[in-house]
Amino acid sequence: IPGVSSADVIGGDVREIQVQVKKDKLLAYGIGINDVQRAVS
């Protein structure tokens, strides 16, 4: 719209894909949380 600089959104739920690591599984495979984070990135 002419004359509008910006429009910002406040509130509401924002979608997020969460990777919830399992500590016991990481220890069993012998890998760290940094390895998982690096692989996803």
PDB file of all heavy atoms in Angstrom:
ATOM      1  N   ILE A   1       0.853  -1.191   0.000  1.00  0.00           N
ATOM      2  CA  ILE A   1       0.000   0.000   0.000  1.00  0.00           C
ATOM      3  C   ILE A   1       0.892   1.246   0.000  1.00  0.00           C
ATOM      4  O   ILE A   1       1.840   1.336   0.775  1.00  0.00           O
ATOM      5  CB  ILE A   1      -0.919  -0.001   1.229  1.00  0.00           C
ATOM      6  CG1 ILE A   1      -1.865  -1.207   1.183  1.00  0.00           C
ATOM      7  CG2 ILE A   1      -1.718   1.293   1.308  1.00  0.00           C
ATOM      8  CD1 ILE A   1      -2.744  -1.337   2.398  1.00  0.00           C
ATOM      9  N   PRO A   2       0.622   2.224  -0.881  1.00  0.00           N
ATOM     10  CA  PRO A   2       1.429   3.454  -0.897  1.00  0.00           C
ATOM     11  C   PRO A   2       1.401   4.153   0.452  1.00  0.00           C
ATOM     12  O   PRO A   2       0.338   4.307   1.074  1.00  0.00           O
ATOM     13  CB  PRO A   2       0.746   4.304  -1.979  1.00  0.00           C
ATOM     14  CG  PRO A   2       0.038   3.320  -2.855  1.00  0.00           C
ATOM     15  CD  PRO A   2      -0.406   2.207  -1.942  1.00  0.00           C
ATOM     16  N   GLY A   3       2.562   4.568   0.927  1.00  0.00           N
ATOM     17  CA  GLY A   3       2.670   5.257   2.204  1.00  0.00           C
ATOM     18  C   GLY A   3       2.941   4.358   3.385  1.00  0.00           C
ATOM     19  O   GLY A   3       3.204   4.849   4.480  1.00  0.00           O
ATOM     20  N   VAL A   4       2.896   3.028   3.187  1.00  0.00           N
ATOM     21  CA  VAL A   4       3.157   2.085   4.273  1.00  0.00           C
ATOM     22  C   VAL A   4       4.631   1.685   4.250  1.00  0.00           C
ATOM     23  O   VAL A   4       5.155   1.278   3.207  1.00  0.00           O
ATOM     24  CB  VAL A   4       2.261   0.838   4.153  1.00  0.00           C
ATOM     25  CG1 VAL A   4       2.664  -0.207   5.187  1.00  0.00           C
ATOM     26  CG2 VAL A   4       0.803   1.219   4.332  1.00  0.00           C
ATOM     27  N   SER A   5       5.286   1.829   5.389  1.00  0.00           N
ATOM     28  CA  SER A   5       6.698   1.470   5.488  1.00  0.00           C
ATOM     29  C   SER A   5       6.883  -0.015   5.766  1.00  0.00           C
ATOM     30  O   SER A   5       7.689  -0.683   5.131  1.00  0.00           O
ATOM     31  CB  SER A   5       7.369   2.290   6.594  1.00  0.00           C
ATOM     32  OG  SER A   5       8.692   1.840   6.841  1.00  0.00           O
ATOM     33  N   SER A   6       6.142  -0.547   6.732  1.00  0.00           N
ATOM     34  CA  SER A   6       6.272  -1.954   7.083  1.00  0.00           C
ATOM     35  C   SER A   6       5.024  -2.407   7.811  1.00  0.00           C
ATOM     36  O   SER A   6       4.259  -1.596   8.348  1.00  0.00           O
ATOM     37  CB  SER A   6       7.507  -2.201   7.966  1.00  0.00           C
ATOM     38  OG  SER A   6       7.382  -1.506   9.201  1.00  0.00           O
ATOM     39  N   ALA A   7       4.812  -3.717   7.817  1.00  0.00           N
ATOM     40  CA  ALA A   7       3.717  -4.333   8.554  1.00  0.00           C
ATOM     41  C   ALA A   7       4.290  -5.505   9.341  1.00  0.00           C
ATOM     42  O   ALA A   7       4.870  -6.420   8.756  1.00  0.00           O
ATOM     43  CB  ALA A   7       2.608  -4.791   7.614  1.00  0.00           C
ATOM     44  N   ASP A   8       4.159  -5.467  10.650  1.00  0.00           N
ATOM     45  CA  ASP A   8       4.719  -6.489  11.530  1.00  0.00           C
ATOM     46  C   ASP A   8       3.600  -7.292  12.182  1.00  0.00           C
ATOM     47  O   ASP A   8       2.496  -6.786  12.405  1.00  0.00           O
ATOM     48  CB  ASP A   8       5.592  -5.853  12.611  1.00  0.00           C
ATOM     49  CG  ASP A   8       6.742  -5.061  12.014  1.00  0.00           C
ATOM     50  OD1 ASP A   8       7.366  -5.563  11.064  1.00  0.00           O
ATOM     51  OD2 ASP A   8       7.010  -3.945  12.501  1.00  0.00           O
ATOM     52  N   VAL A   9       3.907  -8.553  12.490  1.00  0.00           N
ATOM     53  CA  VAL A   9       2.928  -9.463  13.072  1.00  0.00           C
ATOM     54  C   VAL A   9       3.296  -9.728  14.531  1.00  0.00           C
ATOM     55  O   VAL A   9       4.458  -9.986  14.852  1.00  0.00           O
ATOM     56  CB  VAL A   9       2.858 -10.790  12.292  1.00  0.00           C
ATOM     57  CG1 VAL A   9       1.743 -11.670  12.834  1.00  0.00           C
ATOM     58  CG2 VAL A   9       2.639 -10.521  10.808  1.00  0.00           C
ATOM     59  N   ILE A  10       2.310  -9.684  15.396  1.00  0.00           N
ATOM     60  CA  ILE A  10       2.499  -9.935  16.825  1.00  0.00           C
ATOM     61  C   ILE A  10       1.504 -11.001  17.253  1.00  0.00           C
ATOM     62  O   ILE A  10       0.317 -10.923  16.932  1.00  0.00           O
ATOM     63  CB  ILE A  10       2.286  -8.660  17.655  1.00  0.00           C
ATOM     64  CG1 ILE A  10       3.174  -7.526  17.154  1.00  0.00           C
ATOM     65  CG2 ILE A  10       2.557  -8.914  19.138  1.00  0.00           C
ATOM     66  CD1 ILE A  10       2.871  -6.191  17.794  1.00  0.00           C
ATOM     67  N   GLY A  11       1.997 -11.991  18.008  1.00  0.00           N
ATOM     68  CA  GLY A  11       1.118 -13.013  18.552  1.00  0.00           C
ATOM     69  C   GLY A  11       0.943 -14.190  17.615  1.00  0.00           C
ATOM     70  O   GLY A  11       1.472 -14.245  16.506  1.00  0.00           O
ATOM     71  N   GLY A  12       0.189 -15.172  18.080  1.00  0.00           N
ATOM     72  CA  GLY A  12      -0.051 -16.369  17.291  1.00  0.00           C
ATOM     73  C   GLY A  12       1.062 -17.388  17.431  1.00  0.00           C
ATOM     74  O   GLY A  12       2.158 -17.095  17.921  1.00  0.00           O
ATOM     75  N   ASP A  13       0.770 -18.621  17.023  1.00  0.00           N
ATOM     76  CA  ASP A  13       1.741 -19.710  17.071  1.00  0.00           C
ATOM     77  C   ASP A  13       2.455 -19.821  15.736  1.00  0.00           C
ATOM     78  O   ASP A  13       1.818 -19.858  14.677  1.00  0.00           O
ATOM     79  CB  ASP A  13       1.044 -21.042  17.391  1.00  0.00           C
ATOM     80  CG  ASP A  13       0.502 -21.079  18.811  1.00  0.00           C
ATOM     81  OD1 ASP A  13       1.194 -20.560  19.709  1.00  0.00           O
ATOM     82  OD2 ASP A  13      -0.602 -21.615  19.019  1.00  0.00           O
ATOM     83  N   VAL A  14       3.785 -19.890  15.783  1.00  0.00           N
ATOM     84  CA  VAL A  14       4.610 -20.014  14.585  1.00  0.00           C
ATOM     85  C   VAL A  14       5.073 -21.459  14.457  1.00  0.00           C
ATOM     86  O   VAL A  14       5.566 -22.057  15.430  1.00  0.00           O
ATOM     87  CB  VAL A  14       5.830 -19.066  14.646  1.00  0.00           C
ATOM     88  CG1 VAL A  14       6.678 -19.198  13.391  1.00  0.00           C
ATOM     89  CG2 VAL A  14       5.364 -17.630  14.834  1.00  0.00           C
ATOM     90  N   ARG A  15       4.906 -22.030  13.278  1.00  0.00           N
ATOM     91  CA  ARG A  15       5.271 -23.424  13.062  1.00  0.00           C
ATOM     92  C   ARG A  15       6.780 -23.619  13.235  1.00  0.00           C
ATOM     93  O   ARG A  15       7.584 -22.804  12.815  1.00  0.00           O
ATOM     94  CB  ARG A  15       4.859 -23.865  11.650  1.00  0.00           C
ATOM     95  CG  ARG A  15       5.132 -25.334  11.368  1.00  0.00           C
ATOM     96  CD  ARG A  15       4.839 -25.681   9.922  1.00  0.00           C
ATOM     97  NE  ARG A  15       5.030 -27.091   9.658  1.00  0.00           N
ATOM     98  CZ  ARG A  15       5.020 -27.637   8.448  1.00  0.00           C
ATOM     99  NH1 ARG A  15       4.819 -26.867   7.385  1.00  0.00           N
ATOM    100  NH2 ARG A  15       5.201 -28.928   8.287  1.00  0.00           N
ATOM    101  N   GLU A  16       7.137 -24.729  13.865  1.00  0.00           N
ATOM    102  CA  GLU A  16       8.546 -25.047  14.097  1.00  0.00           C
ATOM    103  C   GLU A  16       8.731 -26.564  14.101  1.00  0.00           C
ATOM    104  O   GLU A  16       7.985 -27.284  14.772  1.00  0.00           O
ATOM    105  CB  GLU A  16       9.003 -24.460  15.435  1.00  0.00           C
ATOM    106  CG  GLU A  16      10.466 -24.694  15.739  1.00  0.00           C
ATOM    107  CD  GLU A  16      10.865 -24.053  17.055  1.00  0.00           C
ATOM    108  OE1 GLU A  16      10.456 -24.569  18.114  1.00  0.00           O
ATOM    109  OE2 GLU A  16      11.578 -23.038  17.019  1.00  0.00           O
ATOM    110  N   ILE A  17       9.692 -27.028  13.327  1.00  0.00           N
ATOM    111  CA  ILE A  17      10.044 -28.450  13.322  1.00  0.00           C
ATOM    112  C   ILE A  17      11.102 -28.659  14.401  1.00  0.00           C
ATOM    113  O   ILE A  17      12.214 -28.146  14.293  1.00  0.00           O
ATOM    114  CB  ILE A  17      10.570 -28.899  11.951  1.00  0.00           C
ATOM    115  CG1 ILE A  17       9.568 -28.547  10.849  1.00  0.00           C
ATOM    116  CG2 ILE A  17      10.860 -30.390  11.955  1.00  0.00           C
ATOM    117  CD1 ILE A  17       8.237 -29.238  10.991  1.00  0.00           C
ATOM    118  N   GLN A  18      10.750 -29.403  15.434  1.00  0.00           N
ATOM    119  CA  GLN A  18      11.639 -29.600  16.585  1.00  0.00           C
ATOM    120  C   GLN A  18      12.335 -30.955  16.502  1.00  0.00           C
ATOM    121  O   GLN A  18      11.691 -31.976  16.229  1.00  0.00           O
ATOM    122  CB  GLN A  18      10.836 -29.505  17.879  1.00  0.00           C
ATOM    123  CG  GLN A  18      10.115 -28.181  18.055  1.00  0.00           C
ATOM    124  CD  GLN A  18       9.204 -28.174  19.267  1.00  0.00           C
ATOM    125  OE1 GLN A  18       9.070 -29.184  19.969  1.00  0.00           O
ATOM    126  NE2 GLN A  18       8.568 -27.042  19.534  1.00  0.00           N
ATOM    127  N   VAL A  19      13.638 -30.940  16.722  1.00  0.00           N
ATOM    128  CA  VAL A  19      14.439 -32.166  16.795  1.00  0.00           C
ATOM    129  C   VAL A  19      14.782 -32.395  18.264  1.00  0.00           C
ATOM    130  O   VAL A  19      15.695 -31.778  18.812  1.00  0.00           O
ATOM    131  CB  VAL A  19      15.710 -32.057  15.936  1.00  0.00           C
ATOM    132  CG1 VAL A  19      16.517 -33.360  16.005  1.00  0.00           C
ATOM    133  CG2 VAL A  19      15.354 -31.732  14.489  1.00  0.00           C
ATOM    134  N   GLN A  20      14.029 -33.279  18.904  1.00  0.00           N
ATOM    135  CA  GLN A  20      14.197 -33.548  20.332  1.00  0.00           C
ATOM    136  C   GLN A  20      15.105 -34.778  20.493  1.00  0.00           C
ATOM    137  O   GLN A  20      14.673 -35.921  20.341  1.00  0.00           O
ATOM    138  CB  GLN A  20      12.836 -33.775  20.982  1.00  0.00           C
ATOM    139  CG  GLN A  20      11.882 -32.601  20.831  1.00  0.00           C
ATOM    140  CD  GLN A  20      10.505 -32.877  21.390  1.00  0.00           C
ATOM    141  OE1 GLN A  20      10.210 -33.995  21.837  1.00  0.00           O
ATOM    142  NE2 GLN A  20       9.634 -31.870  21.390  1.00  0.00           N
ATOM    143  N   VAL A  21      16.376 -34.534  20.792  1.00  0.00           N
ATOM    144  CA  VAL A  21      17.360 -35.616  20.852  1.00  0.00           C
ATOM    145  C   VAL A  21      17.152 -36.462  22.111  1.00  0.00           C
ATOM    146  O   VAL A  21      16.648 -35.982  23.135  1.00  0.00           O
ATOM    147  CB  VAL A  21      18.795 -35.042  20.823  1.00  0.00           C
ATOM    148  CG1 VAL A  21      19.069 -34.342  19.511  1.00  0.00           C
ATOM    149  CG2 VAL A  21      19.032 -34.106  21.988  1.00  0.00           C
ATOM    150  N   LYS A  22      17.536 -37.718  22.008  1.00  0.00           N
ATOM    151  CA  LYS A  22      17.442 -38.659  23.117  1.00  0.00           C
ATOM    152  C   LYS A  22      18.848 -38.911  23.661  1.00  0.00           C
ATOM    153  O   LYS A  22      19.716 -39.427  22.953  1.00  0.00           O
ATOM    154  CB  LYS A  22      16.818 -39.966  22.647  1.00  0.00           C
ATOM    155  CG  LYS A  22      15.459 -39.795  21.987  1.00  0.00           C
ATOM    156  CD  LYS A  22      14.961 -41.104  21.397  1.00  0.00           C
ATOM    157  CE  LYS A  22      13.650 -40.933  20.653  1.00  0.00           C
ATOM    158  NZ  LYS A  22      13.202 -42.202  20.019  1.00  0.00           N
ATOM    159  N   LYS A  23      19.047 -38.540  24.899  1.00  0.00           N
ATOM    160  CA  LYS A  23      20.383 -38.627  25.491  1.00  0.00           C
ATOM    161  C   LYS A  23      20.915 -40.051  25.499  1.00  0.00           C
ATOM    162  O   LYS A  23      22.085 -40.287  25.174  1.00  0.00           O
ATOM    163  CB  LYS A  23      20.363 -38.050  26.907  1.00  0.00           C
ATOM    164  CG  LYS A  23      21.709 -38.063  27.592  1.00  0.00           C
ATOM    165  CD  LYS A  23      21.617 -37.460  28.981  1.00  0.00           C
ATOM    166  CE  LYS A  23      22.971 -37.521  29.683  1.00  0.00           C
ATOM    167  NZ  LYS A  23      22.903 -36.958  31.053  1.00  0.00           N
ATOM    168  N   ASP A  24      20.063 -41.010  25.868  1.00  0.00           N
ATOM    169  CA  ASP A  24      20.537 -42.393  25.953  1.00  0.00           C
ATOM    170  C   ASP A  24      20.917 -42.933  24.582  1.00  0.00           C
ATOM    171  O   ASP A  24      21.881 -43.709  24.448  1.00  0.00           O
ATOM    172  CB  ASP A  24      19.467 -43.276  26.601  1.00  0.00           C
ATOM    173  CG  ASP A  24      18.131 -43.173  25.880  1.00  0.00           C
ATOM    174  OD1 ASP A  24      17.912 -42.167  25.161  1.00  0.00           O
ATOM    175  OD2 ASP A  24      17.307 -44.092  26.027  1.00  0.00           O
ATOM    176  N   LYS A  25      20.195 -42.521  23.533  1.00  0.00           N
ATOM    177  CA  LYS A  25      20.524 -42.969  22.184  1.00  0.00           C
ATOM    178  C   LYS A  25      21.837 -42.361  21.703  1.00  0.00           C
ATOM    179  O   LYS A  25      22.642 -43.027  21.033  1.00  0.00           O
ATOM    180  CB  LYS A  25      19.396 -42.606  21.217  1.00  0.00           C
ATOM    181  CG  LYS A  25      18.071 -43.299  21.514  1.00  0.00           C
ATOM    182  CD  LYS A  25      18.182 -44.798  21.325  1.00  0.00           C
ATOM    183  CE  LYS A  25      16.839 -45.480  21.541  1.00  0.00           C
ATOM    184  NZ  LYS A  25      16.919 -46.953  21.377  1.00  0.00           N
ATOM    185  N   LEU A  26      22.071 -41.106  22.050  1.00  0.00           N
ATOM    186  CA  LEU A  26      23.337 -40.473  21.668  1.00  0.00           C
ATOM    187  C   LEU A  26      24.517 -41.200  22.313  1.00  0.00           C
ATOM    188  O   LEU A  26      25.543 -41.446  21.671  1.00  0.00           O
ATOM    189  CB  LEU A  26      23.336 -38.999  22.093  1.00  0.00           C
ATOM    190  CG  LEU A  26      22.365 -38.054  21.370  1.00  0.00           C
ATOM    191  CD1 LEU A  26      22.515 -36.639  21.918  1.00  0.00           C
ATOM    192  CD2 LEU A  26      22.618 -38.059  19.873  1.00  0.00           C
ATOM    193  N   LEU A  27      24.359 -41.552  23.592  1.00  0.00           N
ATOM    194  CA  LEU A  27      25.435 -42.275  24.273  1.00  0.00           C
ATOM    195  C   LEU A  27      25.637 -43.661  23.671  1.00  0.00           C
ATOM    196  O   LEU A  27      26.768 -44.141  23.548  1.00  0.00           O
ATOM    197  CB  LEU A  27      25.114 -42.380  25.766  1.00  0.00           C
ATOM    198  CG  LEU A  27      25.064 -41.054  26.543  1.00  0.00           C
ATOM    199  CD1 LEU A  27      24.624 -41.293  27.986  1.00  0.00           C
ATOM    200  CD2 LEU A  27      26.426 -40.375  26.502  1.00  0.00           C
ATOM    201  N   ALA A  28      24.549 -44.304  23.284  1.00  0.00           N
ATOM    202  CA  ALA A  28      24.663 -45.643  22.702  1.00  0.00           C
ATOM    203  C   ALA A  28      25.387 -45.612  21.365  1.00  0.00           C
ATOM    204  O   ALA A  28      26.185 -46.509  21.056  1.00  0.00           O
ATOM    205  CB  ALA A  28      23.270 -46.259  22.541  1.00  0.00           C
ATOM    206  N   TYR A  29      25.126 -44.590  20.569  1.00  0.00           N
ATOM    207  CA  TYR A  29      25.794 -44.475  19.268  1.00  0.00           C
ATOM    208  C   TYR A  29      27.155 -43.794  19.367  1.00  0.00           C
ATOM    209  O   TYR A  29      27.900 -43.764  18.389  1.00  0.00           O
ATOM    210  CB  TYR A  29      24.919 -43.683  18.294  1.00  0.00           C
ATOM    211  CG  TYR A  29      23.819 -44.510  17.653  1.00  0.00           C
ATOM    212  CD1 TYR A  29      22.550 -44.567  18.222  1.00  0.00           C
ATOM    213  CD2 TYR A  29      24.048 -45.218  16.487  1.00  0.00           C
ATOM    214  CE1 TYR A  29      21.532 -45.311  17.649  1.00  0.00           C
ATOM    215  CE2 TYR A  29      23.046 -45.969  15.898  1.00  0.00           C
ATOM    216  CZ  TYR A  29      21.787 -46.014  16.485  1.00  0.00           C
ATOM    217  OH  TYR A  29      20.785 -46.755  15.903  1.00  0.00           O
ATOM    218  N   GLY A  30      27.456 -43.227  20.520  1.00  0.00           N
ATOM    219  CA  GLY A  30      28.749 -42.576  20.704  1.00  0.00           C
ATOM    220  C   GLY A  30      28.896 -41.277  19.942  1.00  0.00           C
ATOM    221  O   GLY A  30      29.983 -40.940  19.472  1.00  0.00           O
ATOM    222  N   ILE A  31      27.803 -40.522  19.805  1.00  0.00           N
ATOM    223  CA  ILE A  31      27.853 -39.245  19.102  1.00  0.00           C
ATOM    224  C   ILE A  31      27.352 -38.152  20.042  1.00  0.00           C
ATOM    225  O   ILE A  31      26.706 -38.415  21.055  1.00  0.00           O
ATOM    226  CB  ILE A  31      27.001 -39.260  17.815  1.00  0.00           C
ATOM    227  CG1 ILE A  31      25.542 -39.567  18.143  1.00  0.00           C
ATOM    228  CG2 ILE A  31      27.535 -40.281  16.833  1.00  0.00           C
ATOM    229  CD1 ILE A  31      24.639 -39.531  16.935  1.00  0.00           C
ATOM    230  N   GLY A  32      27.672 -36.910  19.711  1.00  0.00           N
ATOM    231  CA  GLY A  32      27.263 -35.785  20.535  1.00  0.00           C
ATOM    232  C   GLY A  32      26.167 -34.971  19.877  1.00  0.00           C
ATOM    233  O   GLY A  32      25.860 -35.128  18.695  1.00  0.00           O
ATOM    234  N   ILE A  33      25.587 -34.065  20.655  1.00  0.00           N
ATOM    235  CA  ILE A  33      24.506 -33.242  20.133  1.00  0.00           C
ATOM    236  C   ILE A  33      25.007 -32.291  19.051  1.00  0.00           C
ATOM    237  O   ILE A  33      24.272 -31.912  18.134  1.00  0.00           O
ATOM    238  CB  ILE A  33      23.823 -32.472  21.282  1.00  0.00           C
ATOM    239  CG1 ILE A  33      22.534 -31.818  20.789  1.00  0.00           C
ATOM    240  CG2 ILE A  33      24.765 -31.435  21.865  1.00  0.00           C
ATOM    241  CD1 ILE A  33      21.715 -31.208  21.897  1.00  0.00           C
ATOM    242  N   ASN A  34      26.297 -31.929  19.107  1.00  0.00           N
ATOM    243  CA  ASN A  34      26.857 -31.068  18.064  1.00  0.00           C
ATOM    244  C   ASN A  34      26.894 -31.786  16.718  1.00  0.00           C
ATOM    245  O   ASN A  34      26.751 -31.145  15.668  1.00  0.00           O
ATOM    246  CB  ASN A  34      28.261 -30.615  18.451  1.00  0.00           C
ATOM    247  CG  ASN A  34      28.257 -29.644  19.616  1.00  0.00           C
ATOM    248  OD1 ASN A  34      27.267 -28.928  19.822  1.00  0.00           O
ATOM    249  ND2 ASN A  34      29.338 -29.607  20.374  1.00  0.00           N
ATOM    250  N   ASP A  35      27.099 -33.099  16.742  1.00  0.00           N
ATOM    251  CA  ASP A  35      27.084 -33.861  15.492  1.00  0.00           C
ATOM    252  C   ASP A  35      25.690 -33.818  14.852  1.00  0.00           C
ATOM    253  O   ASP A  35      25.563 -33.690  13.627  1.00  0.00           O
ATOM    254  CB  ASP A  35      27.493 -35.312  15.752  1.00  0.00           C
ATOM    255  CG  ASP A  35      28.922 -35.423  16.253  1.00  0.00           C
ATOM    256  OD1 ASP A  35      29.767 -34.640  15.794  1.00  0.00           O
ATOM    257  OD2 ASP A  35      29.186 -36.297  17.110  1.00  0.00           O
ATOM    258  N   VAL A  36      24.658 -33.924  15.675  1.00  0.00           N
ATOM    259  CA  VAL A  36      23.289 -33.872  15.158  1.00  0.00           C
ATOM    260  C   VAL A  36      22.981 -32.484  14.617  1.00  0.00           C
ATOM    261  O   VAL A  36      22.417 -32.326  13.522  1.00  0.00           O
ATOM    262  CB  VAL A  36      22.282 -34.256  16.258  1.00  0.00           C
ATOM    263  CG1 VAL A  36      20.855 -34.157  15.737  1.00  0.00           C
ATOM    264  CG2 VAL A  36      22.564 -35.663  16.769  1.00  0.00           C
ATOM    265  N   GLN A  37      23.364 -31.468  15.361  1.00  0.00           N
ATOM    266  CA  GLN A  37      23.100 -30.099  14.925  1.00  0.00           C
ATOM    267  C   GLN A  37      23.827 -29.798  13.618  1.00  0.00           C
ATOM    268  O   GLN A  37      23.265 -29.186  12.700  1.00  0.00           O
ATOM    269  CB  GLN A  37      23.540 -29.112  16.012  1.00  0.00           C
ATOM    270  CG  GLN A  37      23.282 -27.654  15.663  1.00  0.00           C
ATOM    271  CD  GLN A  37      23.744 -26.719  16.771  1.00  0.00           C
ATOM    272  OE1 GLN A  37      24.356 -27.150  17.747  1.00  0.00           O
ATOM    273  NE2 GLN A  37      23.453 -25.440  16.615  1.00  0.00           N
ATOM    274  N   ARG A  38      25.075 -30.230  13.507  1.00  0.00           N
ATOM    275  CA  ARG A  38      25.853 -29.988  12.289  1.00  0.00           C
ATOM    276  C   ARG A  38      25.248 -30.714  11.098  1.00  0.00           C
ATOM    277  O   ARG A  38      25.165 -30.176   9.991  1.00  0.00           O
ATOM    278  CB  ARG A  38      27.294 -30.431  12.512  1.00  0.00           C
ATOM    279  CG  ARG A  38      28.257 -30.011  11.404  1.00  0.00           C
ATOM    280  CD  ARG A  38      29.663 -30.502  11.671  1.00  0.00           C
ATOM    281  NE  ARG A  38      30.116 -30.105  12.995  1.00  0.00           N
ATOM    282  CZ  ARG A  38      30.314 -30.951  14.002  1.00  0.00           C
ATOM    283  NH1 ARG A  38      30.066 -32.255  13.835  1.00  0.00           N
ATOM    284  NH2 ARG A  38      30.747 -30.526  15.162  1.00  0.00           N
ATOM    285  N   ALA A  39      24.775 -31.930  11.313  1.00  0.00           N
ATOM    286  CA  ALA A  39      24.198 -32.712  10.216  1.00  0.00           C
ATOM    287  C   ALA A  39      22.907 -32.081   9.703  1.00  0.00           C
ATOM    288  O   ALA A  39      22.678 -32.000   8.492  1.00  0.00           O
ATOM    289  CB  ALA A  39      23.936 -34.139  10.687  1.00  0.00           C
ATOM    290  N   VAL A  40      22.055 -31.613  10.613  1.00  0.00           N
ATOM    291  CA  VAL A  40      20.800 -30.989  10.194  1.00  0.00           C
ATOM    292  C   VAL A  40      21.075 -29.676   9.455  1.00  0.00           C
ATOM    293  O   VAL A  40      20.441 -29.373   8.444  1.00  0.00           O
ATOM    294  CB  VAL A  40      19.888 -30.748  11.411  1.00  0.00           C
ATOM    295  CG1 VAL A  40      18.650 -29.968  11.015  1.00  0.00           C
ATOM    296  CG2 VAL A  40      19.487 -32.080  12.038  1.00  0.00           C
ATOM    297  N   SER A  41      22.040 -28.904   9.939  1.00  0.00           N
ATOM    298  CA  SER A  41      22.364 -27.630   9.288  1.00  0.00           C
ATOM    299  C   SER A  41      22.907 -27.846   7.884  1.00  0.00           C
ATOM    300  O   SER A  41      22.549 -27.133   6.941  1.00  0.00           O
ATOM    301  CB  SER A  41      23.377 -26.847  10.129  1.00  0.00           C
ATOM    302  OG  SER A  41      22.863 -26.556  11.409  1.00  0.00           O
TER     303      SER A  41
END
